Amino acid sequence: MSVATPTPRALGYRWPAEWEPHAATWLSWPHKEASWPGKFEPVPGIFVEMVRALVPGERVEILAGDPVHAGEVRALLRAGGVPEGRVGLHDVRTDDAWIRDHGPIFLRAREGSGAPYPLLATDWGFNAWGGKYPPWERDDAVPRQVAQLVGAPAVSPGMILEGGSIDGDGEGTLLTTEACLLNPNRNPELDRAAIERRLRDYLGVERILWLGDGIVGDDTDGHVDDLTRFVAPGVVVTAVEEDPRDENYALLQENLKRLQHMEDAKGRRLEIVPLPMPPAVIHEDTRLPASYANFYVGNAAVLVPVFGGPNDGRVLDVLGNLFPDRRIVGIPATDLVWGLGAFHCLTQQQPAV
């Protein structure tokens, strides 16, 4: 007779909100030129800007690949004026740079829960967004390697899940999309009820809120971090397209209508702050998934993708009002989004304990 292993939820763990204190931010340094065909050259410099903005508030830990690449990264950071004592470089090889999706999702022990460890890493399966971009075996191995570097135990929920497909408030509410999590290219053996059970058991959440489709050009099948983000308990920002002629207009209106009828795990009706979309970003006749919602909340700074359009300033003001204790750092991301992601996709937080 087998004995079931207690789940993280049963042991007293929870998934902290992104704005809660971090011990560090983790990055996978970019090296796969095919992810930015013809536009890779500016990408490492954008990473240097990210690190420079984050290090005043927290350590940045970088999966650099091998000692040779680590030396190249160290030289770039030094040239960019980044203090060496605030950055760790690790000889962990990856397939690509999108650590939000292939890295561990960390949980913290609840106060007074008696959980056996203060920090727990969840090692969700990764299959490169439904098998789109092989190989992905190195990326799939990252969570346990990072957990070992941190000194935290790791558990495997036995389900494909990318970090960009979910967003949480730290108080038991999780946002996701039907387009991604119910896509048969992820977990065809699991229905919605089984997926919800897995999320509750392994992230310690209570309520799952489902949006519909993702934005046009999103190769992840609809990640929520391009759509709607928690910015405080009970408060979300959500992308809204203001031009009815734009192909994102109807789907973002549908998600807005869903949000207007949602309550969080505490029974609060969501407060919704609209976030305008940038003008369409098109490269080589391809509509790219440019969205201001793909920001990252660090301890001392919020990294915001900007695209040189008229809404850049509006978005920086909105986020400045929502995060008055943090510096709002707009970083040009038009070249970056050719890789089909931005700053949230490229970061993964390690909670402070």
Protein backbone atom coordinates (compact mmCIF):
# COMPACT_ATOMS: atom_id res chain seq x y z
CA MET A 1 0.00 0.00 0.00
CA SER A 2 1.50 3.34 -1.04
CA VAL A 3 1.33 6.44 1.12
CA ALA A 4 0.60 9.73 -0.63
CA THR A 5 3.29 12.40 -0.19
CA PRO A 6 1.86 15.57 1.36
CA THR A 7 1.47 18.36 -1.19
CA PRO A 8 3.06 21.80 -0.69
CA ARG A 9 -0.37 23.17 0.14
CA ALA A 10 -0.88 20.53 2.84
CA LEU A 11 2.59 21.26 4.23
CA GLY A 12 1.80 24.98 4.58
CA TYR A 13 3.43 26.59 1.55
CA ARG A 14 2.14 29.48 -0.54
CA TRP A 15 3.15 31.23 -3.75
CA PRO A 16 4.21 34.81 -2.85
CA ALA A 17 3.21 37.77 -4.97
CA GLU A 18 5.91 39.22 -7.21
CA TRP A 19 5.98 42.50 -5.26
CA GLU A 20 6.85 40.72 -2.00
CA PRO A 21 10.54 40.90 -0.99
CA HIS A 22 13.02 38.98 -3.13
CA ALA A 23 16.33 37.44 -2.15
CA ALA A 24 17.28 37.57 -5.83
CA THR A 25 16.14 37.69 -9.43
CA TRP A 26 17.28 34.85 -11.70
CA LEU A 27 18.12 35.24 -15.40
CA SER A 28 19.16 32.80 -18.14
CA TRP A 29 21.69 34.73 -20.22
CA PRO A 30 20.73 34.87 -23.93
CA HIS A 31 22.80 32.85 -26.40
CA LYS A 32 20.33 31.36 -28.88
CA GLU A 33 20.58 33.68 -31.87
CA ALA A 34 17.70 31.86 -33.57
CA SER A 35 15.34 33.30 -30.97
CA TRP A 36 16.08 36.78 -32.35
CA PRO A 37 16.90 36.08 -36.01
CA GLY A 38 18.82 39.01 -37.41
CA LYS A 39 18.34 41.03 -34.20
CA PHE A 40 20.39 39.19 -31.60
CA GLU A 41 23.18 41.76 -31.40
CA PRO A 42 21.35 44.30 -29.15
CA VAL A 43 19.87 41.68 -26.82
CA PRO A 44 22.81 41.16 -24.40
CA GLY A 45 22.99 44.93 -23.96
CA ILE A 46 19.32 44.98 -22.97
CA PHE A 47 20.10 42.31 -20.36
CA VAL A 48 22.86 44.54 -18.98
CA GLU A 49 20.28 47.34 -18.60
CA MET A 50 17.97 44.96 -16.75
CA VAL A 51 20.70 43.89 -14.35
CA ARG A 52 21.84 47.47 -13.76
CA ALA A 53 18.28 48.48 -12.85
CA LEU A 54 17.75 45.54 -10.48
CA VAL A 55 20.99 45.37 -8.48
CA PRO A 56 20.32 48.41 -6.25
CA GLY A 57 17.50 46.41 -4.69
CA GLU A 58 18.54 42.76 -4.86
CA ARG A 59 21.09 40.26 -6.09
CA VAL A 60 20.87 39.04 -9.66
CA GLU A 61 21.78 35.39 -10.27
CA ILE A 62 22.61 34.49 -13.87
CA LEU A 63 22.73 31.09 -15.57
CA ALA A 64 25.70 31.84 -17.81
CA GLY A 65 26.21 28.45 -19.45
CA ASP A 66 29.89 27.64 -18.93
CA PRO A 67 33.06 29.39 -17.70
CA VAL A 68 33.82 30.87 -21.13
CA HIS A 69 30.38 32.41 -21.47
CA ALA A 70 30.49 33.51 -17.82
CA GLY A 71 33.66 35.45 -18.58
CA GLU A 72 31.96 37.17 -21.52
CA VAL A 73 28.94 38.05 -19.36
CA ARG A 74 31.19 39.37 -16.59
CA ALA A 75 32.99 41.64 -19.09
CA LEU A 76 29.67 42.98 -20.44
CA LEU A 77 28.38 43.73 -16.95
CA ARG A 78 31.62 45.40 -15.93
CA ALA A 79 31.54 47.58 -19.05
CA GLY A 80 27.94 48.46 -18.17
CA GLY A 81 28.89 49.67 -14.70
CA VAL A 82 27.22 46.82 -12.79
CA PRO A 83 28.73 46.19 -9.32
CA GLU A 84 30.25 42.70 -9.37
CA GLY A 85 29.38 41.98 -5.75
CA ARG A 86 25.66 42.08 -6.54
CA VAL A 87 25.72 39.46 -9.31
CA GLY A 88 26.25 35.70 -9.26
CA LEU A 89 27.26 33.75 -12.38
CA HIS A 90 26.54 30.04 -12.55
CA ASP A 91 27.76 27.32 -14.91
CA VAL A 92 24.29 26.05 -15.82
CA ARG A 93 23.59 25.43 -19.50
CA THR A 94 20.24 26.38 -21.01
CA ASP A 95 18.51 26.08 -24.35
CA ASP A 96 17.07 29.60 -24.31
CA ALA A 97 16.65 32.73 -22.17
CA TRP A 98 13.01 32.53 -21.04
CA ILE A 99 13.55 31.59 -17.41
CA ARG A 100 10.05 32.70 -16.35
CA ASP A 101 8.83 29.63 -18.18
CA HIS A 102 11.60 27.10 -17.57
CA GLY A 103 12.83 28.15 -14.13
CA PRO A 104 11.55 27.02 -10.73
CA ILE A 105 8.49 28.65 -9.18
CA PHE A 106 9.41 29.26 -5.55
CA LEU A 107 7.04 28.91 -2.60
CA ARG A 108 7.42 30.26 0.93
CA ALA A 109 6.32 28.64 4.16
CA ARG A 110 3.26 30.30 5.65
CA GLU A 111 3.78 32.02 8.99
CA GLY A 112 3.29 29.50 11.80
CA SER A 113 2.61 26.64 9.39
CA GLY A 114 5.38 24.41 10.67
CA ALA A 115 6.46 23.73 7.08
CA PRO A 116 9.74 21.76 7.05
CA TYR A 117 11.74 24.29 4.98
CA PRO A 118 11.42 28.07 4.61
CA LEU A 119 11.67 27.89 0.80
CA LEU A 120 10.45 25.25 -1.66
CA ALA A 121 11.06 25.05 -5.41
CA THR A 122 8.39 23.62 -7.68
CA ASP A 123 9.76 21.86 -10.76
CA TRP A 124 6.98 21.95 -13.35
CA GLY A 125 7.53 20.18 -16.64
CA PHE A 126 8.63 22.27 -19.62
CA ASN A 127 8.09 21.32 -23.27
CA ALA A 128 8.90 24.59 -25.08
CA TRP A 129 5.34 25.89 -25.31
CA GLY A 130 3.77 22.76 -26.66
CA GLY A 131 6.79 21.30 -28.44
CA LYS A 132 7.35 24.32 -30.70
CA TYR A 133 11.10 24.92 -30.27
CA PRO A 134 13.31 21.87 -29.72
CA PRO A 135 15.58 21.12 -28.02
CA TRP A 136 14.34 21.97 -24.52
CA GLU A 137 15.92 19.29 -22.33
CA ARG A 138 18.43 21.67 -20.73
CA ASP A 139 15.70 24.17 -19.91
CA ASP A 140 13.55 21.41 -18.43
CA ALA A 141 16.45 20.52 -16.09
CA VAL A 142 16.92 24.10 -14.81
CA PRO A 143 14.52 24.09 -11.81
CA ARG A 144 16.35 21.36 -9.89
CA GLN A 145 19.74 22.86 -10.69
CA VAL A 146 18.64 26.27 -9.40
CA ALA A 147 17.06 24.67 -6.34
CA GLN A 148 20.37 22.96 -5.59
CA LEU A 149 22.24 26.26 -5.96
CA VAL A 150 19.79 27.93 -3.57
CA GLY A 151 19.78 25.04 -1.11
CA ALA A 152 16.03 24.48 -1.35
CA PRO A 153 14.24 21.16 -1.85
CA ALA A 154 12.34 20.70 -5.12
CA VAL A 155 9.06 18.92 -5.83
CA SER A 156 7.67 17.89 -9.23
CA PRO A 157 3.92 18.36 -9.71
CA GLY A 158 3.88 16.12 -12.79
CA MET A 159 2.35 18.73 -15.10
CA ILE A 160 3.57 21.01 -17.87
CA LEU A 161 3.34 24.65 -16.74
CA GLU A 162 5.15 27.86 -17.69
CA GLY A 163 5.54 30.65 -15.18
CA GLY A 164 4.29 33.23 -17.67
CA SER A 165 0.97 31.41 -17.96
CA ILE A 166 -0.03 32.25 -14.38
CA ASP A 167 -0.10 35.32 -12.15
CA GLY A 168 -0.86 35.48 -8.43
CA ASP A 169 -1.70 37.89 -5.62
CA GLY A 170 0.12 36.05 -2.81
CA GLU A 171 -3.20 35.66 -0.99
CA GLY A 172 -4.54 32.57 -2.72
CA THR A 173 -5.72 33.89 -6.10
CA LEU A 174 -4.29 32.76 -9.43
CA LEU A 175 -5.03 34.19 -12.89
CA THR A 176 -4.56 32.16 -16.05
CA THR A 177 -6.01 31.62 -19.53
CA GLU A 178 -8.03 28.86 -21.12
CA ALA A 179 -6.11 29.29 -24.37
CA CYS A 180 -2.86 28.17 -22.73
CA LEU A 181 -3.60 25.83 -19.85
CA LEU A 182 -6.38 23.95 -21.63
CA ASN A 183 -4.37 23.60 -24.84
CA PRO A 184 -3.91 19.88 -25.61
CA ASN A 185 -0.23 20.49 -26.46
CA ARG A 186 0.51 20.85 -22.73
CA ASN A 187 -1.37 18.32 -20.60
CA PRO A 188 -3.82 16.40 -22.81
CA GLU A 189 -4.50 13.88 -20.03
CA LEU A 190 -5.74 16.56 -17.60
CA ASP A 191 -9.10 18.32 -17.77
CA ARG A 192 -9.83 21.74 -16.24
CA ALA A 193 -10.78 20.29 -12.85
CA ALA A 194 -7.59 18.21 -12.66
CA ILE A 195 -5.44 21.22 -13.66
CA GLU A 196 -7.11 23.33 -10.98
CA ARG A 197 -6.44 20.64 -8.35
CA ARG A 198 -2.76 20.51 -9.35
CA LEU A 199 -2.45 24.30 -9.12
CA ARG A 200 -4.09 24.37 -5.70
CA ASP A 201 -2.03 21.49 -4.36
CA TYR A 202 1.35 22.64 -5.65
CA LEU A 203 1.07 26.45 -5.45
CA GLY A 204 -1.05 26.71 -2.32
CA VAL A 205 -3.73 28.81 -4.04
CA GLU A 206 -7.46 28.74 -3.36
CA ARG A 207 -9.16 30.34 -6.35
CA ILE A 208 -8.30 30.10 -10.05
CA LEU A 209 -9.63 32.86 -12.33
CA TRP A 210 -9.81 32.00 -16.03
CA LEU A 211 -9.40 34.50 -18.86
CA GLY A 212 -9.85 33.57 -22.52
CA ASP A 213 -7.42 34.19 -25.36
CA GLY A 214 -3.97 35.75 -25.47
CA ILE A 215 -2.88 38.64 -27.65
CA VAL A 216 -2.16 38.32 -31.36
CA GLY A 217 1.37 37.11 -32.12
CA ASP A 218 1.85 35.32 -28.81
CA ASP A 219 3.49 31.98 -29.60
CA THR A 220 2.88 30.72 -26.04
CA ASP A 221 -0.82 30.12 -26.81
CA GLY A 222 -1.96 32.94 -24.56
CA HIS A 223 0.25 33.69 -21.56
CA VAL A 224 -1.49 35.82 -18.97
CA ASP A 225 1.60 37.98 -18.37
CA ASP A 226 0.86 39.78 -21.65
CA LEU A 227 -2.76 40.37 -20.56
CA THR A 228 -3.53 40.90 -16.90
CA ARG A 229 -1.31 41.24 -13.83
CA PHE A 230 -1.93 41.58 -10.11
CA VAL A 231 -0.32 44.74 -8.74
CA ALA A 232 -1.73 44.54 -5.19
CA PRO A 233 -4.21 42.31 -3.35
CA GLY A 234 -7.54 42.80 -5.08
CA VAL A 235 -6.07 45.02 -7.82
CA VAL A 236 -5.12 44.11 -11.41
CA VAL A 237 -3.89 45.99 -14.43
CA THR A 238 -5.25 44.67 -17.70
CA ALA A 239 -4.28 45.38 -21.29
CA VAL A 240 -6.99 47.23 -23.23
CA GLU A 241 -6.82 48.06 -26.92
CA GLU A 242 -8.43 51.44 -27.57
CA ASP A 243 -8.74 51.11 -31.37
CA PRO A 244 -11.81 49.02 -32.34
CA ARG A 245 -10.16 48.29 -35.70
CA ASP A 246 -7.18 46.54 -34.07
CA GLU A 247 -7.23 42.74 -34.08
CA ASN A 248 -6.59 42.66 -30.30
CA TYR A 249 -9.62 44.84 -29.53
CA ALA A 250 -12.36 42.20 -29.25
CA LEU A 251 -10.35 39.60 -27.35
CA LEU A 252 -9.11 42.14 -24.80
CA GLN A 253 -12.66 43.45 -24.35
CA GLU A 254 -13.82 39.89 -23.68
CA ASN A 255 -11.14 39.44 -21.01
CA LEU A 256 -12.09 42.79 -19.48
CA LYS A 257 -15.73 41.68 -19.23
CA ARG A 258 -14.66 38.48 -17.47
CA LEU A 259 -12.54 40.42 -14.99
CA GLN A 260 -15.47 42.71 -14.17
CA HIS A 261 -17.37 39.72 -12.77
CA MET A 262 -14.51 38.12 -10.85
CA GLU A 263 -13.79 37.95 -7.14
CA ASP A 264 -10.48 36.94 -5.57
CA ALA A 265 -9.87 34.27 -2.94
CA LYS A 266 -10.82 36.75 -0.19
CA GLY A 267 -14.17 37.50 -1.83
CA ARG A 268 -13.15 40.94 -3.08
CA ARG A 269 -14.47 42.17 -6.43
CA LEU A 270 -11.38 42.97 -8.48
CA GLU A 271 -10.34 46.60 -8.89
CA ILE A 272 -9.34 46.93 -12.55
CA VAL A 273 -6.81 49.46 -13.84
CA PRO A 274 -6.73 49.68 -17.68
CA LEU A 275 -3.31 49.55 -19.32
CA PRO A 276 -3.29 50.77 -22.94
CA MET A 277 -1.63 48.70 -25.62
CA PRO A 278 1.29 49.99 -27.69
CA PRO A 279 0.73 50.53 -31.41
CA ALA A 280 1.18 47.33 -33.38
CA VAL A 281 4.83 46.25 -33.55
CA ILE A 282 5.44 44.48 -36.86
CA HIS A 283 8.71 43.00 -38.08
CA GLU A 284 9.13 41.10 -41.32
CA ASP A 285 5.34 41.18 -41.80
CA THR A 286 4.85 39.50 -38.41
CA ARG A 287 2.69 41.01 -35.66
CA LEU A 288 4.72 40.72 -32.45
CA PRO A 289 3.26 40.23 -28.95
CA ALA A 290 4.14 43.71 -27.72
CA SER A 291 2.40 44.47 -24.42
CA TYR A 292 3.16 46.79 -21.53
CA ALA A 293 1.75 44.11 -19.20
CA ASN A 294 4.99 42.15 -19.54
CA PHE A 295 6.68 44.21 -16.80
CA TYR A 296 8.71 42.80 -13.89
CA VAL A 297 8.43 43.98 -10.29
CA GLY A 298 11.80 43.96 -8.53
CA ASN A 299 12.53 45.03 -4.95
CA ALA A 300 13.50 48.57 -5.91
CA ALA A 301 12.54 48.88 -9.59
CA VAL A 302 9.79 47.92 -12.02
CA LEU A 303 11.18 47.00 -15.46
CA VAL A 304 8.70 48.10 -18.13
CA PRO A 305 8.94 47.39 -21.87
CA VAL A 306 8.49 50.56 -23.94
CA PHE A 307 8.15 50.75 -27.70
CA GLY A 308 8.66 54.39 -28.66
CA GLY A 309 4.94 55.07 -29.01
CA PRO A 310 2.54 57.64 -27.57
CA ASN A 311 1.35 55.34 -24.78
CA ASP A 312 4.80 54.76 -23.24
CA GLY A 313 4.52 57.76 -20.92
CA ARG A 314 0.94 56.96 -19.93
CA VAL A 315 1.90 53.45 -18.88
CA LEU A 316 4.93 54.59 -16.90
CA ASP A 317 2.68 57.04 -15.03
CA VAL A 318 0.07 54.35 -14.30
CA LEU A 319 2.65 51.96 -12.91
CA GLY A 320 4.36 54.77 -11.00
CA ASN A 321 1.10 55.44 -9.17
CA LEU A 322 0.65 51.75 -8.42
CA PHE A 323 4.25 51.22 -7.21
CA PRO A 324 5.17 54.56 -5.60
CA ASP A 325 7.99 52.98 -3.56
CA ARG A 326 9.83 51.67 -6.63
CA ARG A 327 11.66 53.29 -9.53
CA ILE A 328 9.78 52.78 -12.80
CA VAL A 329 12.36 51.94 -15.46
CA GLY A 330 11.20 52.01 -19.07
CA ILE A 331 13.58 50.02 -21.28
CA PRO A 332 13.21 50.03 -25.09
CA ALA A 333 11.94 46.58 -26.05
CA THR A 334 11.14 46.73 -29.76
CA ASP A 335 14.20 44.63 -30.60
CA LEU A 336 13.63 42.36 -27.61
CA VAL A 337 10.03 41.50 -28.51
CA TRP A 338 11.23 40.09 -31.86
CA GLY A 339 12.08 37.13 -29.62
CA LEU A 340 8.36 37.07 -28.70
CA GLY A 341 8.74 38.10 -25.06
CA ALA A 342 9.88 40.87 -22.73
CA PHE A 343 11.05 41.48 -19.16
CA HIS A 344 8.60 39.32 -17.25
CA CYS A 345 9.37 36.41 -19.55
CA LEU A 346 13.10 36.84 -18.89
CA THR A 347 13.05 36.96 -15.07
CA GLN A 348 12.16 34.67 -12.17
CA GLN A 349 12.06 35.84 -8.58
CA GLN A 350 13.45 34.02 -5.55
CA PRO A 351 11.47 35.11 -2.49
CA ALA A 352 13.26 36.34 0.61
CA VAL A 353 12.84 34.12 3.67
